[in-house]
Amino acid sequence: MSTPIQIVEEKNKQLHSLWESQQFDELLSTGYTPDASITDGKATYKGHDELKQAFEKLRCLDLQLIAMDTIASGDSIKQISTCQRGGAAATCTVTWNKVGADWKITNEHWT
């Protein structure tokens, strides 16, 4: 049986593939809660409609993950990543929560 961290890491691979193929509706339904939010600098997007608009507007296909630290606590997992996004360094903290039998992203914070 897989651990929660293994489940989230595998799901992350699936979401990355959906991102690369720009299948944003499936990405959102598979990986994000309906009320998930993303903060990118000063902008905040909440809910699938706003997130999809942000993905379409701000997509950066050259997103390259540099490192990741994963911390599990009960029904919550945080992934902290450093990456190159559009040639600039960025840090992203993703919060996953257990929703029923599934794991979904509830928040992303980019700096």
Foldseek 3Di string as FASTA:
>chain_A
DDDPVVQVVVLVVVLLVCLLVVVLVCSCVSAADQFAWEAAPPDIATGSVRVNVCSVVPPFNPKAWDDWDWDDDPQKIWIWTWIQGPNDIKIKIWIWGDDPPHIHTRYIYMD
